[in-house]
Structure formats: structure tokens, C-alpha cells
Amino acid sequence: MKWTDAEDIGISLHEQFPDIDPLTVRFTDLRAKVLALPGFDDDAKASNEPKLEAIQMAWYEEWKDSQE
């Protein structure tokens, strides 16, 4: 996975952290969680706020659906 694979990353984050509300995660912590994901293979320096926001929103959609 790369930084641009927001949906795939969001699904993986939800699988790893199903009880965390993604909107409570700071971008610095989100970045660390993404870098630690199995299958993530991209340059750590390539992350930026818009990419992290897209990942957070994809994760939030997965989390929100599981709360219903």
C-alpha cells in the first residue's frame, strides 16, 4: 500500500483498531499507525496533510459503518 491508497489503508486501520474513533486520532499518531501497517510500503516522508486526511476519512467511514 502507498499513501494514495486511502481506502485500503482505512480498511486496514479499522481491522487493526476497530474500537478507535478515527476522528480522535492526531495526524502524527495516524502517520505512525499507517507506517506500522503490514503491507504498507511507501516513503515515510511522502505523507502530507491531505493524504492523512483522506486516510482518516476512509477509516472513519469504515468505523462509522461498523457502529450502525
C-alpha atoms as a PDB file:
ATOM      1  CA  MET A   1       0.000   0.000   0.000  1.00  0.00           C
ATOM      2  CA  LYS A   2       1.033   3.560  -0.701  1.00  0.00           C
ATOM      3  CA  TRP A   3      -0.059   6.879   0.838  1.00  0.00           C
ATOM      4  CA  THR A   4      -2.506   7.335  -2.031  1.00  0.00           C
ATOM      5  CA  ASP A   5      -4.344   4.075  -1.218  1.00  0.00           C
ATOM      6  CA  ALA A   6      -6.589   5.808   1.325  1.00  0.00           C
ATOM      7  CA  GLU A   7      -9.461   3.327   1.140  1.00  0.00           C
ATOM      8  CA  ASP A   8      -7.244   0.258   1.528  1.00  0.00           C
ATOM      9  CA  ILE A   9      -5.374   1.895   4.391  1.00  0.00           C
ATOM     10  CA  GLY A  10      -8.652   2.916   6.037  1.00  0.00           C
ATOM     11  CA  ILE A  11      -9.888  -0.675   5.906  1.00  0.00           C
ATOM     12  CA  SER A  12      -6.609  -1.970   7.334  1.00  0.00           C
ATOM     13  CA  LEU A  13      -6.647   0.585  10.138  1.00  0.00           C
ATOM     14  CA  HIS A  14     -10.211  -0.349  11.030  1.00  0.00           C
ATOM     15  CA  GLU A  15      -9.246  -4.025  11.124  1.00  0.00           C
ATOM     16  CA  GLN A  16      -6.277  -3.259  13.404  1.00  0.00           C
ATOM     17  CA  PHE A  17      -8.038  -0.713  15.626  1.00  0.00           C
ATOM     18  CA  PRO A  18     -11.808  -1.414  15.458  1.00  0.00           C
ATOM     19  CA  ASP A  19     -12.634   0.395  18.709  1.00  0.00           C
ATOM     20  CA  ILE A  20     -10.860   3.680  17.956  1.00  0.00           C
ATOM     21  CA  ASP A  21     -12.883   6.607  16.633  1.00  0.00           C
ATOM     22  CA  PRO A  22     -10.595   7.799  13.814  1.00  0.00           C
ATOM     23  CA  LEU A  23     -11.616  11.415  14.356  1.00  0.00           C
ATOM     24  CA  THR A  24      -9.907  11.321  17.767  1.00  0.00           C
ATOM     25  CA  VAL A  25      -6.520  10.350  16.275  1.00  0.00           C
ATOM     26  CA  ARG A  26      -3.976  13.128  15.739  1.00  0.00           C
ATOM     27  CA  PHE A  27      -2.235  13.170  12.361  1.00  0.00           C
ATOM     28  CA  THR A  28       1.135  12.420  13.983  1.00  0.00           C
ATOM     29  CA  ASP A  29      -0.334   9.279  15.549  1.00  0.00           C
ATOM     30  CA  LEU A  30      -2.200   8.391  12.364  1.00  0.00           C
ATOM     31  CA  ARG A  31       1.031   8.624  10.373  1.00  0.00           C
ATOM     32  CA  ALA A  32       2.757   6.268  12.824  1.00  0.00           C
ATOM     33  CA  LYS A  33      -0.134   3.779  12.640  1.00  0.00           C
ATOM     34  CA  VAL A  34      -0.043   3.790   8.840  1.00  0.00           C
ATOM     35  CA  LEU A  35       3.717   3.279   8.744  1.00  0.00           C
ATOM     36  CA  ALA A  36       3.331   0.264  11.061  1.00  0.00           C
ATOM     37  CA  LEU A  37       0.661  -1.442   8.935  1.00  0.00           C
ATOM     38  CA  PRO A  38       1.607  -4.775   7.384  1.00  0.00           C
ATOM     39  CA  GLY A  39       1.777  -4.314   3.642  1.00  0.00           C
ATOM     40  CA  PHE A  40       2.451  -0.585   3.772  1.00  0.00           C
ATOM     41  CA  ASP A  41       5.426   0.163   1.582  1.00  0.00           C
ATOM     42  CA  ASP A  42       5.934   3.825   0.817  1.00  0.00           C
ATOM     43  CA  ASP A  43       8.332   6.602   1.711  1.00  0.00           C
ATOM     44  CA  ALA A  44       7.570   7.914   5.193  1.00  0.00           C
ATOM     45  CA  LYS A  45       8.444  11.416   4.005  1.00  0.00           C
ATOM     46  CA  ALA A  46       5.804  11.268   1.257  1.00  0.00           C
ATOM     47  CA  SER A  47       2.947  11.767   3.698  1.00  0.00           C
ATOM     48  CA  ASN A  48       1.225  15.125   3.933  1.00  0.00           C
ATOM     49  CA  GLU A  49      -1.889  16.602   5.485  1.00  0.00           C
ATOM     50  CA  PRO A  50      -4.238  15.999   2.519  1.00  0.00           C
ATOM     51  CA  LYS A  51      -3.175  12.337   2.263  1.00  0.00           C
ATOM     52  CA  LEU A  52      -3.559  11.812   6.008  1.00  0.00           C
ATOM     53  CA  GLU A  53      -6.950  13.494   5.953  1.00  0.00           C
ATOM     54  CA  ALA A  54      -8.103  11.205   3.122  1.00  0.00           C
ATOM     55  CA  ILE A  55      -6.895   8.174   5.092  1.00  0.00           C
ATOM     56  CA  GLN A  56      -8.608   9.385   8.255  1.00  0.00           C
ATOM     57  CA  MET A  57     -11.894   9.895   6.401  1.00  0.00           C
ATOM     58  CA  ALA A  58     -11.688   6.438   4.771  1.00  0.00           C
ATOM     59  CA  TRP A  59     -11.008   4.904   8.192  1.00  0.00           C
ATOM     60  CA  TYR A  60     -13.879   6.921   9.662  1.00  0.00           C
ATOM     61  CA  GLU A  61     -16.300   5.598   7.013  1.00  0.00           C
ATOM     62  CA  GLU A  62     -15.319   2.017   7.902  1.00  0.00           C
ATOM     63  CA  TRP A  63     -15.630   2.726  11.632  1.00  0.00           C
ATOM     64  CA  LYS A  64     -18.950   4.557  11.251  1.00  0.00           C
ATOM     65  CA  ASP A  65     -20.454   1.697   9.244  1.00  0.00           C
ATOM     66  CA  SER A  66     -19.463  -0.748  11.962  1.00  0.00           C
ATOM     67  CA  GLN A  67     -21.204   1.366  14.619  1.00  0.00           C
ATOM     68  CA  GLU A  68     -24.623   1.093  12.977  1.00  0.00           C
END
